[in-house]
Amino acid sequence: MTAAHPAGDTAEGGLAGMLAELIDQNLARDPARRRFLARPLRAVIEVPDARVRASVRVDRIGLVDVRPGDDPAATVRVRADGMKVLGLAAVPLRFGLPDVRTVDGRAVVRDLASGAIRVRGLLLHLSDIRRLLGLLSAR
């Protein structure tokens, strides 16, 4: 399952723990999501309004490690306020991206277009973003 390194009771540790728990629950609920673990992935999720960030790593053998703090080697970086990050976990996906046929999916796309959600690596690492969303989305 997912290894979380919560670093005590810090806010960053809370974000890392929440992400690890979310990924574990999603993998347990839908074992087909293990396909998202087939290749390495390095991502950072930053929540500036709470001044926290957590890194998500999938290694070569499909183990997930979620840690508080930054990962300078991350190919994907998501930056959004806390509510927008929670929205990413709730958005329905279609082909691994927010489903624009739904209200929640259109809201995420609007947030991306307006800069309320910023994603570095959106074009160059689209497959990594799709895999990260697949691990995080509860739908």
C-alpha atoms as a PDB file:
ATOM      1  CA  MET A   1       0.000   0.000   0.000  1.00  0.00           C
ATOM      2  CA  THR A   2       0.966   3.633   0.333  1.00  0.00           C
ATOM      3  CA  ALA A   3       3.766   4.665   2.661  1.00  0.00           C
ATOM      4  CA  ALA A   4       3.123   7.999   4.336  1.00  0.00           C
ATOM      5  CA  HIS A   5       5.717   9.918   6.282  1.00  0.00           C
ATOM      6  CA  PRO A   6       3.610  12.405   8.223  1.00  0.00           C
ATOM      7  CA  ALA A   7       6.458  14.267  10.021  1.00  0.00           C
ATOM      8  CA  GLY A   8       4.652  14.680  13.304  1.00  0.00           C
ATOM      9  CA  ASP A   9       1.580  16.834  13.630  1.00  0.00           C
ATOM     10  CA  THR A  10       2.667  19.488  11.138  1.00  0.00           C
ATOM     11  CA  ALA A  11       0.265  20.770   8.528  1.00  0.00           C
ATOM     12  CA  GLU A  12       2.498  19.335   5.778  1.00  0.00           C
ATOM     13  CA  GLY A  13       2.328  15.977   7.510  1.00  0.00           C
ATOM     14  CA  GLY A  14      -1.460  16.304   7.571  1.00  0.00           C
ATOM     15  CA  LEU A  15      -1.583  16.914   3.822  1.00  0.00           C
ATOM     16  CA  ALA A  16       0.724  13.968   3.141  1.00  0.00           C
ATOM     17  CA  GLY A  17      -1.320  11.723   5.421  1.00  0.00           C
ATOM     18  CA  MET A  18      -4.577  12.792   3.779  1.00  0.00           C
ATOM     19  CA  LEU A  19      -3.202  12.123   0.283  1.00  0.00           C
ATOM     20  CA  ALA A  20      -1.795   8.737   1.315  1.00  0.00           C
ATOM     21  CA  GLU A  21      -5.117   7.716   2.872  1.00  0.00           C
ATOM     22  CA  LEU A  22      -7.041   8.880  -0.206  1.00  0.00           C
ATOM     23  CA  ILE A  23      -4.779   6.892  -2.542  1.00  0.00           C
ATOM     24  CA  ASP A  24      -5.023   3.787  -0.327  1.00  0.00           C
ATOM     25  CA  GLN A  25      -8.824   3.996  -0.222  1.00  0.00           C
ATOM     26  CA  ASN A  26      -9.103   4.481  -3.976  1.00  0.00           C
ATOM     27  CA  LEU A  27      -6.793   1.524  -4.714  1.00  0.00           C
ATOM     28  CA  ALA A  28      -8.686  -0.689  -2.256  1.00  0.00           C
ATOM     29  CA  ARG A  29     -12.079   0.328  -3.676  1.00  0.00           C
ATOM     30  CA  ASP A  30     -11.018  -0.070  -7.298  1.00  0.00           C
ATOM     31  CA  PRO A  31      -8.091  -2.500  -7.783  1.00  0.00           C
ATOM     32  CA  ALA A  32      -8.062  -1.666 -11.527  1.00  0.00           C
ATOM     33  CA  ARG A  33      -6.435   1.628 -10.531  1.00  0.00           C
ATOM     34  CA  ARG A  34      -3.220  -0.306  -9.915  1.00  0.00           C
ATOM     35  CA  ARG A  35      -2.556   0.286 -13.612  1.00  0.00           C
ATOM     36  CA  PHE A  36      -1.604   3.857 -12.601  1.00  0.00           C
ATOM     37  CA  LEU A  37       1.330   2.350 -10.678  1.00  0.00           C
ATOM     38  CA  ALA A  38       2.899   0.681 -13.726  1.00  0.00           C
ATOM     39  CA  ARG A  39       5.456   3.467 -14.311  1.00  0.00           C
ATOM     40  CA  PRO A  40       7.362   5.796 -11.986  1.00  0.00           C
ATOM     41  CA  LEU A  41       5.723   9.100 -11.132  1.00  0.00           C
ATOM     42  CA  ARG A  42       6.950  12.104  -9.167  1.00  0.00           C
ATOM     43  CA  ALA A  43       4.519  14.880  -8.311  1.00  0.00           C
ATOM     44  CA  VAL A  44       4.146  17.691  -5.805  1.00  0.00           C
ATOM     45  CA  ILE A  45       0.852  19.073  -4.558  1.00  0.00           C
ATOM     46  CA  GLU A  46       1.159  22.545  -3.052  1.00  0.00           C
ATOM     47  CA  VAL A  47      -1.517  24.339  -1.057  1.00  0.00           C
ATOM     48  CA  PRO A  48      -0.245  27.916  -0.687  1.00  0.00           C
ATOM     49  CA  ASP A  49      -3.136  29.179   1.459  1.00  0.00           C
ATOM     50  CA  ALA A  50      -2.124  26.621   4.097  1.00  0.00           C
ATOM     51  CA  ARG A  51       1.604  26.958   3.297  1.00  0.00           C
ATOM     52  CA  VAL A  52       2.019  23.215   2.797  1.00  0.00           C
ATOM     53  CA  ARG A  53       3.122  20.822   0.107  1.00  0.00           C
ATOM     54  CA  ALA A  54       3.468  17.085  -0.222  1.00  0.00           C
ATOM     55  CA  SER A  55       5.263  14.899  -2.721  1.00  0.00           C
ATOM     56  CA  VAL A  56       3.823  11.762  -4.258  1.00  0.00           C
ATOM     57  CA  ARG A  57       6.208   9.198  -5.713  1.00  0.00           C
ATOM     58  CA  VAL A  58       5.480   5.949  -7.465  1.00  0.00           C
ATOM     59  CA  ASP A  59       8.617   3.851  -7.837  1.00  0.00           C
ATOM     60  CA  ARG A  60       9.553   1.300 -10.495  1.00  0.00           C
ATOM     61  CA  ILE A  61       7.835  -1.569  -8.717  1.00  0.00           C
ATOM     62  CA  GLY A  62       4.591   0.324  -8.094  1.00  0.00           C
ATOM     63  CA  LEU A  63       5.046   1.348  -4.470  1.00  0.00           C
ATOM     64  CA  VAL A  64       3.587   4.725  -3.542  1.00  0.00           C
ATOM     65  CA  ASP A  65       5.420   7.021  -1.135  1.00  0.00           C
ATOM     66  CA  VAL A  66       3.775  10.226   0.056  1.00  0.00           C
ATOM     67  CA  ARG A  67       5.951  12.649   2.014  1.00  0.00           C
ATOM     68  CA  PRO A  68       5.538  16.141   3.360  1.00  0.00           C
ATOM     69  CA  GLY A  69       7.543  18.783   1.558  1.00  0.00           C
ATOM     70  CA  ASP A  70       8.953  19.348  -1.891  1.00  0.00           C
ATOM     71  CA  ASP A  71      10.493  17.003  -4.444  1.00  0.00           C
ATOM     72  CA  PRO A  72      12.828  18.996  -6.704  1.00  0.00           C
ATOM     73  CA  ALA A  73      12.764  16.190  -9.293  1.00  0.00           C
ATOM     74  CA  ALA A  74       8.966  16.187  -9.643  1.00  0.00           C
ATOM     75  CA  THR A  75       7.785  16.365 -13.246  1.00  0.00           C
ATOM     76  CA  VAL A  76       4.276  17.406 -12.212  1.00  0.00           C
ATOM     77  CA  ARG A  77       3.427  20.221  -9.812  1.00  0.00           C
ATOM     78  CA  VAL A  78      -0.116  21.087  -8.822  1.00  0.00           C
ATOM     79  CA  ARG A  79      -0.686  24.359  -6.981  1.00  0.00           C
ATOM     80  CA  ALA A  80      -4.134  25.281  -5.689  1.00  0.00           C
ATOM     81  CA  ASP A  81      -5.890  26.380  -2.529  1.00  0.00           C
ATOM     82  CA  GLY A  82      -7.165  23.690  -0.186  1.00  0.00           C
ATOM     83  CA  MET A  83     -10.716  23.608  -1.498  1.00  0.00           C
ATOM     84  CA  LYS A  84      -9.523  23.278  -5.105  1.00  0.00           C
ATOM     85  CA  VAL A  85      -7.268  20.341  -4.156  1.00  0.00           C
ATOM     86  CA  LEU A  86     -10.247  18.653  -2.516  1.00  0.00           C
ATOM     87  CA  GLY A  87     -12.203  19.384  -5.691  1.00  0.00           C
ATOM     88  CA  LEU A  88      -9.595  17.473  -7.700  1.00  0.00           C
ATOM     89  CA  ALA A  89     -10.237  14.466  -5.488  1.00  0.00           C
ATOM     90  CA  ALA A  90     -13.971  14.729  -6.147  1.00  0.00           C
ATOM     91  CA  VAL A  91     -13.973  15.420  -9.884  1.00  0.00           C
ATOM     92  CA  PRO A  92     -15.270  12.670 -12.178  1.00  0.00           C
ATOM     93  CA  LEU A  93     -12.760  11.701 -14.847  1.00  0.00           C
ATOM     94  CA  ARG A  94     -13.167  10.827 -18.511  1.00  0.00           C
ATOM     95  CA  PHE A  95     -10.107   9.445 -20.266  1.00  0.00           C
ATOM     96  CA  GLY A  96      -8.113  10.361 -17.146  1.00  0.00           C
ATOM     97  CA  LEU A  97      -9.001  14.069 -17.258  1.00  0.00           C
ATOM     98  CA  PRO A  98     -11.832  16.084 -15.655  1.00  0.00           C
ATOM     99  CA  ASP A  99     -15.102  15.174 -17.355  1.00  0.00           C
ATOM    100  CA  VAL A 100     -16.411  18.397 -18.913  1.00  0.00           C
ATOM    101  CA  ARG A 101     -19.851  16.818 -19.250  1.00  0.00           C
ATOM    102  CA  THR A 102     -20.280  17.292 -15.483  1.00  0.00           C
ATOM    103  CA  VAL A 103     -20.592  20.453 -13.406  1.00  0.00           C
ATOM    104  CA  ASP A 104     -17.566  19.480 -11.272  1.00  0.00           C
ATOM    105  CA  GLY A 105     -15.465  18.708 -14.340  1.00  0.00           C
ATOM    106  CA  ARG A 106     -16.279  22.053 -15.951  1.00  0.00           C
ATOM    107  CA  ALA A 107     -15.448  23.837 -12.684  1.00  0.00           C
ATOM    108  CA  VAL A 108     -11.975  22.236 -12.613  1.00  0.00           C
ATOM    109  CA  VAL A 109     -11.362  23.164 -16.253  1.00  0.00           C
ATOM    110  CA  ARG A 110     -12.441  26.756 -15.485  1.00  0.00           C
ATOM    111  CA  ASP A 111     -10.060  26.820 -12.521  1.00  0.00           C
ATOM    112  CA  LEU A 112      -7.236  25.593 -14.750  1.00  0.00           C
ATOM    113  CA  ALA A 113      -8.005  28.229 -17.381  1.00  0.00           C
ATOM    114  CA  SER A 114      -8.189  31.035 -14.809  1.00  0.00           C
ATOM    115  CA  GLY A 115      -5.046  29.979 -12.967  1.00  0.00           C
ATOM    116  CA  ALA A 116      -6.861  29.107  -9.743  1.00  0.00           C
ATOM    117  CA  ILE A 117      -5.359  25.645 -10.234  1.00  0.00           C
ATOM    118  CA  ARG A 118      -1.873  25.701 -11.701  1.00  0.00           C
ATOM    119  CA  VAL A 119      -0.317  22.568 -13.120  1.00  0.00           C
ATOM    120  CA  ARG A 120       3.293  22.555 -14.218  1.00  0.00           C
ATOM    121  CA  GLY A 121       3.899  19.752 -16.681  1.00  0.00           C
ATOM    122  CA  LEU A 122       0.403  19.904 -18.124  1.00  0.00           C
ATOM    123  CA  LEU A 123       1.534  19.554 -21.719  1.00  0.00           C
ATOM    124  CA  LEU A 124       4.839  17.699 -21.446  1.00  0.00           C
ATOM    125  CA  HIS A 125       3.724  15.182 -18.822  1.00  0.00           C
ATOM    126  CA  LEU A 126       0.022  14.754 -19.537  1.00  0.00           C
ATOM    127  CA  SER A 127       0.138  10.996 -18.965  1.00  0.00           C
ATOM    128  CA  ASP A 128       1.649  11.550 -15.506  1.00  0.00           C
ATOM    129  CA  ILE A 129      -1.101  14.044 -14.685  1.00  0.00           C
ATOM    130  CA  ARG A 130      -3.741  11.559 -15.813  1.00  0.00           C
ATOM    131  CA  ARG A 131      -2.201   8.881 -13.589  1.00  0.00           C
ATOM    132  CA  LEU A 132      -1.999  11.256 -10.598  1.00  0.00           C
ATOM    133  CA  LEU A 133      -5.648  12.262 -11.034  1.00  0.00           C
ATOM    134  CA  GLY A 134      -6.573   8.596 -11.374  1.00  0.00           C
ATOM    135  CA  LEU A 135      -4.928   7.859  -8.025  1.00  0.00           C
ATOM    136  CA  LEU A 136      -6.493  10.861  -6.273  1.00  0.00           C
ATOM    137  CA  SER A 137     -10.009  10.952  -7.730  1.00  0.00           C
ATOM    138  CA  ALA A 138     -12.549   9.313  -5.459  1.00  0.00           C
ATOM    139  CA  ARG A 139     -14.950   8.892  -8.389  1.00  0.00           C
END
